[in-house]
Amino acid sequence: WGGSSCNRAESAISDAGGWFVFPIDVAAGGTLMEAYKRGYDRGKTSRLAIYDPSSGEWRVSKQTWDAENRFARSIGLEPEIYRSEDAALAASGRWSNVHLRKSRGTREERLEMLRIFQKECGGPAKSSTGLVPFIEAILAEQVELNDYKVKTDSTRRSLERAIERKAEFQATGK
């Protein structure tokens, strides 16, 4: 059995170029990133940390993905050599970059992706509005795509809980 928990949810809105600054709390543990943009789906990384057992070296491989985001093709290695897996992972952006791709799906496929994007987190946001803008944007697209009422109601409840958690943290610090 495997599982995960969420002890904190933050949000950041990118600038026109797609860049954002995200408050990282190293003491809080590892960071998992998720991104949402209307009309886009999850993408996959174009840089991958790889190990060469014959040389004992860690490198970063550049890759390109097919239109369906299913198969990668290597397009070369970056010249830098890393002494550890952690250094190569950091250089690859594996845990700090989020990738999106233009959605090519039907309305039904898009709605399914929106349902996958929905998150719950029992932990409060400490330096942002938490999941509130994330869930608001998902709800707006669900409404625009005329999703089932039961689904939009579920998203509205998630939004209410996110707002309540933020208010509770602001009032109590917990």
N, C-alpha and C. Protein backbone atom coordinates (compact mmCIF):
# COMPACT_ATOMS: atom_id res chain seq x y z
N TRP A 1 0.85 -1.17 0.00
CA TRP A 1 0.00 0.00 0.00
C TRP A 1 0.89 1.23 0.00
N GLY A 2 0.53 2.18 -0.77
CA GLY A 2 1.27 3.44 -0.81
C GLY A 2 0.30 4.57 -0.63
N GLY A 3 0.80 5.67 -0.21
CA GLY A 3 -0.06 6.82 -0.01
C GLY A 3 0.75 8.07 0.17
N SER A 4 0.06 9.16 0.26
CA SER A 4 0.73 10.43 0.50
C SER A 4 -0.19 11.28 1.35
N SER A 5 0.37 12.32 1.90
CA SER A 5 -0.43 13.26 2.66
C SER A 5 0.00 14.65 2.26
N CYS A 6 -0.81 15.59 2.60
CA CYS A 6 -0.54 16.98 2.26
C CYS A 6 -0.54 17.80 3.53
N ASN A 7 0.60 18.41 3.83
CA ASN A 7 0.66 19.22 5.05
C ASN A 7 0.62 20.71 4.75
N ARG A 8 0.58 21.07 3.45
CA ARG A 8 0.55 22.48 3.09
C ARG A 8 0.23 22.60 1.60
N ALA A 9 -0.63 23.52 1.25
CA ALA A 9 -0.93 23.78 -0.16
C ALA A 9 -0.79 25.26 -0.42
N GLU A 10 0.03 25.62 -1.36
CA GLU A 10 0.25 27.01 -1.73
C GLU A 10 -0.12 27.20 -3.20
N SER A 11 -0.28 28.43 -3.60
CA SER A 11 -0.53 28.70 -5.01
C SER A 11 0.30 29.91 -5.44
N ALA A 12 0.56 29.94 -6.72
CA ALA A 12 1.25 31.08 -7.33
C ALA A 12 0.67 31.25 -8.72
N ILE A 13 0.53 32.48 -9.14
CA ILE A 13 0.01 32.76 -10.48
C ILE A 13 1.17 33.27 -11.31
N SER A 14 1.34 32.67 -12.49
CA SER A 14 2.50 33.01 -13.33
C SER A 14 2.33 34.36 -14.01
N ASP A 15 3.47 34.89 -14.45
CA ASP A 15 3.46 36.11 -15.23
C ASP A 15 3.13 35.78 -16.68
N ALA A 16 3.16 36.77 -17.57
CA ALA A 16 2.80 36.56 -18.98
C ALA A 16 3.70 35.54 -19.66
N GLY A 17 4.94 35.39 -19.19
CA GLY A 17 5.86 34.43 -19.76
C GLY A 17 5.74 33.04 -19.19
N GLY A 18 4.86 32.85 -18.21
CA GLY A 18 4.67 31.53 -17.61
C GLY A 18 5.54 31.27 -16.40
N TRP A 19 6.30 32.25 -15.93
CA TRP A 19 7.19 32.07 -14.79
C TRP A 19 6.51 32.52 -13.51
N PHE A 20 6.88 31.88 -12.42
CA PHE A 20 6.35 32.26 -11.12
C PHE A 20 7.39 31.94 -10.05
N VAL A 21 7.22 32.58 -8.91
CA VAL A 21 8.06 32.29 -7.74
C VAL A 21 7.17 31.61 -6.73
N PHE A 22 7.69 30.51 -6.19
CA PHE A 22 6.89 29.70 -5.29
C PHE A 22 7.58 29.63 -3.94
N PRO A 23 6.87 29.91 -2.84
CA PRO A 23 7.50 29.85 -1.52
C PRO A 23 7.81 28.41 -1.11
N ILE A 24 9.08 28.10 -0.95
CA ILE A 24 9.50 26.74 -0.59
C ILE A 24 9.89 26.73 0.89
N ASP A 25 9.40 25.75 1.61
CA ASP A 25 9.74 25.55 3.01
C ASP A 25 10.45 24.21 3.12
N VAL A 26 11.78 24.22 3.13
CA VAL A 26 12.57 22.99 3.13
C VAL A 26 12.24 22.12 4.34
N ALA A 27 11.95 22.73 5.46
CA ALA A 27 11.64 21.97 6.67
C ALA A 27 10.33 21.21 6.55
N ALA A 28 9.46 21.61 5.63
CA ALA A 28 8.16 20.97 5.48
C ALA A 28 8.23 19.66 4.71
N GLY A 29 9.37 19.36 4.13
CA GLY A 29 9.50 18.12 3.37
C GLY A 29 9.48 18.36 1.88
N GLY A 30 9.35 17.28 1.13
CA GLY A 30 9.40 17.36 -0.32
C GLY A 30 8.26 18.15 -0.91
N THR A 31 8.50 18.65 -2.10
CA THR A 31 7.51 19.46 -2.80
C THR A 31 6.97 18.71 -4.00
N LEU A 32 5.68 18.66 -4.13
CA LEU A 32 5.04 18.14 -5.32
C LEU A 32 4.33 19.30 -6.00
N MET A 33 4.56 19.45 -7.28
CA MET A 33 4.01 20.59 -8.01
C MET A 33 2.88 20.14 -8.93
N GLU A 34 1.92 21.01 -9.09
CA GLU A 34 0.82 20.79 -10.02
C GLU A 34 0.53 22.14 -10.66
N ALA A 35 0.11 22.15 -11.91
CA ALA A 35 -0.20 23.41 -12.59
C ALA A 35 -1.50 23.26 -13.36
N TYR A 36 -2.15 24.38 -13.55
CA TYR A 36 -3.39 24.41 -14.31
C TYR A 36 -3.37 25.64 -15.20
N LYS A 37 -3.77 25.47 -16.43
CA LYS A 37 -4.02 26.58 -17.36
C LYS A 37 -5.16 26.14 -18.26
N ARG A 38 -6.14 27.00 -18.39
CA ARG A 38 -7.30 26.68 -19.22
C ARG A 38 -6.84 26.26 -20.61
N GLY A 39 -7.36 25.12 -21.07
CA GLY A 39 -7.03 24.64 -22.40
C GLY A 39 -5.75 23.83 -22.49
N TYR A 40 -5.14 23.54 -21.33
CA TYR A 40 -3.90 22.76 -21.32
C TYR A 40 -4.08 21.52 -20.44
N ASP A 41 -3.27 20.51 -20.71
CA ASP A 41 -3.23 19.28 -19.91
C ASP A 41 -1.84 19.12 -19.32
N ARG A 42 -1.71 18.16 -18.45
CA ARG A 42 -0.40 17.84 -17.90
C ARG A 42 0.56 17.48 -19.03
N GLY A 43 1.76 17.96 -18.89
CA GLY A 43 2.81 17.60 -19.84
C GLY A 43 3.85 16.76 -19.13
N LYS A 44 4.92 16.47 -19.81
CA LYS A 44 6.00 15.70 -19.21
C LYS A 44 7.32 16.44 -19.40
N THR A 45 8.24 16.17 -18.53
CA THR A 45 9.51 16.87 -18.53
C THR A 45 10.30 16.63 -19.81
N SER A 46 11.04 17.64 -20.21
CA SER A 46 11.91 17.50 -21.39
C SER A 46 13.35 17.27 -20.97
N ARG A 47 13.61 17.18 -19.67
CA ARG A 47 14.96 16.94 -19.16
C ARG A 47 14.88 15.85 -18.09
N LEU A 48 15.75 14.84 -18.21
CA LEU A 48 15.69 13.67 -17.35
C LEU A 48 17.08 13.34 -16.81
N ALA A 49 17.20 13.15 -15.49
CA ALA A 49 18.47 12.73 -14.88
C ALA A 49 18.70 11.25 -15.21
N ILE A 50 19.87 10.94 -15.73
CA ILE A 50 20.18 9.54 -16.08
C ILE A 50 21.55 9.15 -15.53
N TYR A 51 21.71 7.88 -15.26
CA TYR A 51 22.95 7.35 -14.71
C TYR A 51 23.60 6.42 -15.73
N ASP A 52 24.91 6.57 -15.94
CA ASP A 52 25.67 5.70 -16.83
C ASP A 52 26.52 4.79 -15.95
N PRO A 53 26.12 3.52 -15.78
CA PRO A 53 26.86 2.63 -14.89
C PRO A 53 28.30 2.35 -15.36
N SER A 54 28.55 2.45 -16.65
CA SER A 54 29.90 2.18 -17.15
C SER A 54 30.88 3.27 -16.73
N SER A 55 30.41 4.51 -16.63
CA SER A 55 31.29 5.62 -16.24
C SER A 55 31.06 6.06 -14.80
N GLY A 56 29.90 5.66 -14.22
CA GLY A 56 29.56 6.10 -12.87
C GLY A 56 29.14 7.57 -12.83
N GLU A 57 28.72 8.10 -13.97
CA GLU A 57 28.38 9.52 -14.06
C GLU A 57 26.87 9.74 -14.16
N TRP A 58 26.45 10.84 -13.59
CA TRP A 58 25.08 11.29 -13.73
C TRP A 58 25.07 12.43 -14.74
N ARG A 59 24.10 12.41 -15.66
CA ARG A 59 23.97 13.44 -16.68
C ARG A 59 22.50 13.81 -16.81
N VAL A 60 22.24 14.81 -17.61
CA VAL A 60 20.86 15.21 -17.91
C VAL A 60 20.63 14.99 -19.40
N SER A 61 19.62 14.18 -19.70
CA SER A 61 19.24 13.89 -21.07
C SER A 61 18.11 14.83 -21.48
N LYS A 62 18.20 15.36 -22.69
CA LYS A 62 17.12 16.18 -23.24
C LYS A 62 16.26 15.27 -24.10
N GLN A 63 14.94 15.46 -24.00
CA GLN A 63 14.04 14.62 -24.76
C GLN A 63 12.87 15.42 -25.31
N THR A 64 12.24 14.87 -26.32
CA THR A 64 11.05 15.48 -26.88
C THR A 64 9.93 14.43 -26.84
N TRP A 65 8.71 14.90 -26.72
CA TRP A 65 7.55 14.01 -26.58
C TRP A 65 6.68 14.08 -27.82
N ASP A 66 5.98 12.99 -28.12
CA ASP A 66 5.04 12.98 -29.24
C ASP A 66 3.82 13.82 -28.86
N ALA A 67 2.96 14.08 -29.85
CA ALA A 67 1.81 14.96 -29.65
C ALA A 67 0.86 14.48 -28.56
N GLU A 68 0.78 13.17 -28.33
CA GLU A 68 -0.10 12.63 -27.30
C GLU A 68 0.57 12.57 -25.94
N ASN A 69 1.83 12.96 -25.88
CA ASN A 69 2.57 12.98 -24.62
C ASN A 69 2.75 11.57 -24.05
N ARG A 70 2.91 10.60 -24.93
CA ARG A 70 3.04 9.21 -24.49
C ARG A 70 4.45 8.67 -24.64
N PHE A 71 5.14 9.06 -25.73
CA PHE A 71 6.45 8.49 -26.01
C PHE A 71 7.50 9.59 -26.13
N ALA A 72 8.63 9.36 -25.47
CA ALA A 72 9.73 10.33 -25.52
C ALA A 72 10.81 9.83 -26.46
N ARG A 73 11.51 10.78 -27.05
CA ARG A 73 12.66 10.47 -27.89
C ARG A 73 13.81 11.34 -27.40
N SER A 74 14.94 10.69 -27.12
CA SER A 74 16.12 11.42 -26.66
C SER A 74 16.67 12.27 -27.79
N ILE A 75 17.01 13.52 -27.47
CA ILE A 75 17.62 14.39 -28.48
C ILE A 75 19.03 14.81 -28.09
N GLY A 76 19.57 14.20 -27.02
CA GLY A 76 20.95 14.47 -26.66
C GLY A 76 21.17 14.62 -25.18
N LEU A 77 22.45 14.64 -24.81
CA LEU A 77 22.86 14.82 -23.43
C LEU A 77 23.40 16.23 -23.23
N GLU A 78 23.09 16.81 -22.09
CA GLU A 78 23.71 18.08 -21.73
C GLU A 78 25.16 17.80 -21.34
N PRO A 79 26.08 18.74 -21.53
CA PRO A 79 27.51 18.45 -21.31
C PRO A 79 27.92 18.28 -19.84
N GLU A 80 27.19 18.86 -18.92
CA GLU A 80 27.57 18.82 -17.50
C GLU A 80 27.51 17.40 -16.95
N ILE A 81 28.49 17.04 -16.11
CA ILE A 81 28.52 15.76 -15.42
C ILE A 81 28.30 16.03 -13.93
N TYR A 82 27.44 15.24 -13.31
CA TYR A 82 27.09 15.46 -11.90
C TYR A 82 27.64 14.32 -11.05
N ARG A 83 28.00 14.66 -9.82
CA ARG A 83 28.60 13.68 -8.91
C ARG A 83 27.58 12.83 -8.18
N SER A 84 26.31 13.27 -8.20
CA SER A 84 25.29 12.52 -7.46
C SER A 84 23.95 12.58 -8.18
N GLU A 85 23.10 11.64 -7.81
CA GLU A 85 21.74 11.63 -8.35
C GLU A 85 21.00 12.90 -7.96
N ASP A 86 21.15 13.34 -6.70
CA ASP A 86 20.46 14.54 -6.24
C ASP A 86 20.84 15.75 -7.08
N ALA A 87 22.13 15.88 -7.40
CA ALA A 87 22.58 17.02 -8.20
C ALA A 87 22.01 16.96 -9.61
N ALA A 88 21.98 15.77 -10.20
CA ALA A 88 21.42 15.61 -11.55
C ALA A 88 19.91 15.87 -11.55
N LEU A 89 19.22 15.39 -10.51
CA LEU A 89 17.77 15.64 -10.42
C LEU A 89 17.49 17.13 -10.28
N ALA A 90 18.29 17.81 -9.46
CA ALA A 90 18.11 19.25 -9.29
C ALA A 90 18.33 19.97 -10.62
N ALA A 91 19.37 19.59 -11.34
CA ALA A 91 19.67 20.23 -12.62
C ALA A 91 18.58 19.95 -13.66
N SER A 92 17.97 18.78 -13.58
CA SER A 92 16.93 18.43 -14.54
C SER A 92 15.61 19.16 -14.27
N GLY A 93 15.46 19.68 -13.06
CA GLY A 93 14.21 20.34 -12.69
C GLY A 93 13.09 19.37 -12.37
N ARG A 94 13.44 18.13 -12.14
CA ARG A 94 12.46 17.05 -11.93
C ARG A 94 11.42 17.40 -10.88
N TRP A 95 11.84 18.00 -9.77
CA TRP A 95 10.91 18.28 -8.68
C TRP A 95 10.52 19.75 -8.59
N SER A 96 11.03 20.59 -9.49
CA SER A 96 10.75 22.02 -9.36
C SER A 96 10.10 22.63 -10.59
N ASN A 97 10.01 21.92 -11.70
CA ASN A 97 9.38 22.45 -12.90
C ASN A 97 8.07 21.73 -13.17
N VAL A 98 7.13 22.45 -13.71
CA VAL A 98 5.84 21.88 -14.06
C VAL A 98 5.67 22.06 -15.57
N HIS A 99 5.19 21.04 -16.23
CA HIS A 99 5.05 21.08 -17.68
C HIS A 99 3.61 20.89 -18.10
N LEU A 100 3.17 21.74 -19.02
CA LEU A 100 1.84 21.65 -19.57
C LEU A 100 1.94 21.53 -21.09
N ARG A 101 0.90 21.01 -21.71
CA ARG A 101 0.83 20.92 -23.16
C ARG A 101 -0.58 21.29 -23.59
N LYS A 102 -0.70 21.85 -24.80
CA LYS A 102 -2.00 22.23 -25.32
C LYS A 102 -2.92 21.01 -25.36
N SER A 103 -4.12 21.17 -24.85
CA SER A 103 -5.07 20.06 -24.81
C SER A 103 -5.56 19.75 -26.22
N ARG A 104 -5.57 18.47 -26.54
CA ARG A 104 -6.08 18.02 -27.83
C ARG A 104 -7.32 17.14 -27.65
N GLY A 105 -7.82 17.07 -26.43
CA GLY A 105 -8.89 16.15 -26.11
C GLY A 105 -10.28 16.69 -26.42
N THR A 106 -11.22 15.79 -26.37
CA THR A 106 -12.63 16.13 -26.53
C THR A 106 -13.11 16.82 -25.25
N ARG A 107 -14.33 17.31 -25.28
CA ARG A 107 -14.93 17.92 -24.10
C ARG A 107 -14.92 16.93 -22.93
N GLU A 108 -15.31 15.68 -23.20
CA GLU A 108 -15.36 14.67 -22.14
C GLU A 108 -13.96 14.39 -21.58
N GLU A 109 -12.96 14.31 -22.45
CA GLU A 109 -11.58 14.09 -21.99
C GLU A 109 -11.08 15.27 -21.18
N ARG A 110 -11.46 16.48 -21.58
CA ARG A 110 -11.05 17.69 -20.85
C ARG A 110 -11.69 17.69 -19.45
N LEU A 111 -12.96 17.35 -19.38
CA LEU A 111 -13.64 17.30 -18.08
C LEU A 111 -13.00 16.25 -17.18
N GLU A 112 -12.63 15.11 -17.74
CA GLU A 112 -11.96 14.08 -16.94
C GLU A 112 -10.63 14.60 -16.39
N MET A 113 -9.88 15.34 -17.21
CA MET A 113 -8.61 15.91 -16.75
C MET A 113 -8.86 16.92 -15.63
N LEU A 114 -9.91 17.71 -15.74
CA LEU A 114 -10.23 18.67 -14.68
C LEU A 114 -10.54 17.95 -13.37
N ARG A 115 -11.20 16.82 -13.45
CA ARG A 115 -11.49 16.03 -12.23
C ARG A 115 -10.21 15.49 -11.62
N ILE A 116 -9.26 15.11 -12.46
CA ILE A 116 -7.97 14.62 -11.96
C ILE A 116 -7.20 15.75 -11.28
N PHE A 117 -7.30 16.96 -11.83
CA PHE A 117 -6.59 18.11 -11.26
C PHE A 117 -7.08 18.45 -9.85
N GLN A 118 -8.34 18.18 -9.55
CA GLN A 118 -8.89 18.59 -8.26
C GLN A 118 -8.13 17.94 -7.12
N LYS A 119 -7.77 18.75 -6.15
CA LYS A 119 -6.98 18.28 -5.01
C LYS A 119 -7.67 18.67 -3.71
N GLU A 120 -7.40 17.87 -2.74
CA GLU A 120 -7.81 18.20 -1.36
C GLU A 120 -6.53 18.21 -0.53
N CYS A 121 -6.46 19.11 0.40
CA CYS A 121 -5.30 19.16 1.27
C CYS A 121 -5.75 19.59 2.66
N GLY A 122 -5.48 18.74 3.64
CA GLY A 122 -5.86 19.06 5.00
C GLY A 122 -4.98 20.13 5.62
N GLY A 123 -3.79 20.32 5.05
CA GLY A 123 -2.87 21.32 5.58
C GLY A 123 -3.21 22.71 5.07
N PRO A 124 -2.90 23.72 5.87
CA PRO A 124 -3.24 25.09 5.47
C PRO A 124 -2.16 25.70 4.57
N ALA A 125 -2.54 26.73 3.85
CA ALA A 125 -1.56 27.55 3.14
C ALA A 125 -0.94 28.50 4.16
N LYS A 126 0.34 28.77 4.01
CA LYS A 126 1.01 29.67 4.96
C LYS A 126 1.37 31.00 4.34
N SER A 127 1.60 31.03 3.01
CA SER A 127 2.06 32.28 2.41
C SER A 127 1.29 32.65 1.14
N SER A 128 0.16 32.03 0.90
CA SER A 128 -0.64 32.36 -0.28
C SER A 128 -2.10 32.04 0.02
N THR A 129 -2.91 32.07 -1.01
CA THR A 129 -4.32 31.75 -0.83
C THR A 129 -4.58 30.26 -0.98
N GLY A 130 -3.52 29.46 -0.93
CA GLY A 130 -3.67 28.02 -0.97
C GLY A 130 -4.28 27.54 -2.26
N LEU A 131 -5.18 26.56 -2.15
CA LEU A 131 -5.79 25.96 -3.33
C LEU A 131 -6.92 26.80 -3.93
N VAL A 132 -7.27 27.92 -3.29
CA VAL A 132 -8.44 28.69 -3.71
C VAL A 132 -8.38 29.09 -5.20
N PRO A 133 -7.34 29.77 -5.70
CA PRO A 133 -7.37 30.14 -7.12
C PRO A 133 -7.31 28.94 -8.05
N PHE A 134 -6.64 27.89 -7.64
CA PHE A 134 -6.54 26.66 -8.42
C PHE A 134 -7.92 26.05 -8.62
N ILE A 135 -8.65 25.90 -7.52
CA ILE A 135 -9.98 25.29 -7.58
C ILE A 135 -10.97 26.22 -8.28
N GLU A 136 -10.85 27.53 -8.05
CA GLU A 136 -11.73 28.48 -8.73
C GLU A 136 -11.59 28.38 -10.25
N ALA A 137 -10.36 28.28 -10.73
CA ALA A 137 -10.12 28.19 -12.18
C ALA A 137 -10.68 26.89 -12.75
N ILE A 138 -10.51 25.79 -12.01
CA ILE A 138 -11.05 24.51 -12.46
C ILE A 138 -12.58 24.58 -12.52
N LEU A 139 -13.20 25.15 -11.50
CA LEU A 139 -14.65 25.28 -11.47
C LEU A 139 -15.15 26.13 -12.64
N ALA A 140 -14.47 27.23 -12.93
CA ALA A 140 -14.88 28.10 -14.04
C ALA A 140 -14.87 27.33 -15.36
N GLU A 141 -13.85 26.50 -15.59
CA GLU A 141 -13.81 25.74 -16.83
C GLU A 141 -14.87 24.63 -16.83
N GLN A 142 -15.11 24.00 -15.69
CA GLN A 142 -16.18 23.00 -15.62
C GLN A 142 -17.53 23.62 -16.00
N VAL A 143 -17.79 24.82 -15.48
CA VAL A 143 -19.05 25.50 -15.78
C VAL A 143 -19.10 25.85 -17.27
N GLU A 144 -17.99 26.38 -17.80
CA GLU A 144 -17.93 26.73 -19.22
C GLU A 144 -18.18 25.51 -20.11
N LEU A 145 -17.68 24.34 -19.70
CA LEU A 145 -17.86 23.11 -20.47
C LEU A 145 -19.17 22.39 -20.14
N ASN A 146 -19.99 23.03 -19.29
CA ASN A 146 -21.30 22.49 -18.91
C ASN A 146 -21.18 21.09 -18.30
N ASP A 147 -20.30 20.96 -17.30
CA ASP A 147 -20.12 19.69 -16.60
C ASP A 147 -21.40 19.36 -15.81
N TYR A 148 -21.51 18.11 -15.44
CA TYR A 148 -22.66 17.67 -14.65
C TYR A 148 -22.74 18.44 -13.33
N LYS A 149 -23.96 18.75 -12.90
CA LYS A 149 -24.16 19.50 -11.66
C LYS A 149 -23.50 18.81 -10.46
N VAL A 150 -23.61 17.49 -10.38
CA VAL A 150 -23.01 16.76 -9.26
C VAL A 150 -21.48 17.00 -9.22
N LYS A 151 -20.87 17.13 -10.38
CA LYS A 151 -19.42 17.36 -10.44
C LYS A 151 -19.07 18.79 -10.05
N THR A 152 -19.83 19.76 -10.56
CA THR A 152 -19.53 21.15 -10.19
C THR A 152 -19.86 21.39 -8.71
N ASP A 153 -20.90 20.74 -8.20
CA ASP A 153 -21.21 20.86 -6.77
C ASP A 153 -20.05 20.31 -5.93
N SER A 154 -19.46 19.21 -6.36
CA SER A 154 -18.31 18.64 -5.64
C SER A 154 -17.14 19.62 -5.64
N THR A 155 -16.90 20.26 -6.78
CA THR A 155 -15.81 21.24 -6.87
C THR A 155 -16.11 22.44 -5.97
N ARG A 156 -17.36 22.87 -5.95
CA ARG A 156 -17.74 23.99 -5.07
C ARG A 156 -17.49 23.64 -3.60
N ARG A 157 -17.78 22.42 -3.21
CA ARG A 157 -17.52 22.00 -1.83
C ARG A 157 -16.01 21.99 -1.54
N SER A 158 -15.22 21.56 -2.49
CA SER A 158 -13.76 21.59 -2.33
C SER A 158 -13.28 23.03 -2.16
N LEU A 159 -13.85 23.93 -2.93
CA LEU A 159 -13.50 25.34 -2.84
C LEU A 159 -13.88 25.90 -1.47
N GLU A 160 -15.07 25.58 -0.98
CA GLU A 160 -15.49 26.04 0.34
C GLU A 160 -14.55 25.54 1.43
N ARG A 161 -14.13 24.27 1.34
CA ARG A 161 -13.20 23.72 2.34
C ARG A 161 -11.85 24.43 2.27
N ALA A 162 -11.37 24.74 1.07
CA ALA A 162 -10.09 25.44 0.94
C ALA A 162 -10.18 26.84 1.54
N ILE A 163 -11.28 27.51 1.33
CA ILE A 163 -11.48 28.85 1.91
C ILE A 163 -11.54 28.76 3.43
N GLU A 164 -12.24 27.77 3.95
CA GLU A 164 -12.34 27.57 5.41
C GLU A 164 -10.97 27.29 6.02
N ARG A 165 -10.17 26.43 5.37
CA ARG A 165 -8.83 26.10 5.90
C ARG A 165 -7.94 27.34 5.93
N LYS A 166 -8.02 28.15 4.89
CA LYS A 166 -7.22 29.37 4.85
C LYS A 166 -7.64 30.32 5.98
N ALA A 167 -8.94 30.50 6.16
CA ALA A 167 -9.44 31.39 7.22
C ALA A 167 -9.05 30.86 8.60
N GLU A 168 -9.14 29.55 8.79
CA GLU A 168 -8.76 28.95 10.08
C GLU A 168 -7.27 29.18 10.37
N PHE A 169 -6.45 29.00 9.37
CA PHE A 169 -5.02 29.23 9.58
C PHE A 169 -4.73 30.70 9.90
N GLN A 170 -5.40 31.62 9.19
CA GLN A 170 -5.19 33.03 9.45
C GLN A 170 -5.63 33.41 10.86
N ALA A 171 -6.66 32.76 11.37
CA ALA A 171 -7.17 33.07 12.71
C ALA A 171 -6.35 32.44 13.81
N THR A 172 -5.85 31.21 13.59
CA THR A 172 -5.21 30.48 14.68
C THR A 172 -3.72 30.20 14.45
N GLY A 173 -3.27 30.31 13.21
CA GLY A 173 -1.88 29.96 12.92
C GLY A 173 -1.67 28.46 12.82
N LYS A 174 -2.74 27.68 12.85
CA LYS A 174 -2.66 26.22 12.77
C LYS A 174 -3.52 25.70 11.63
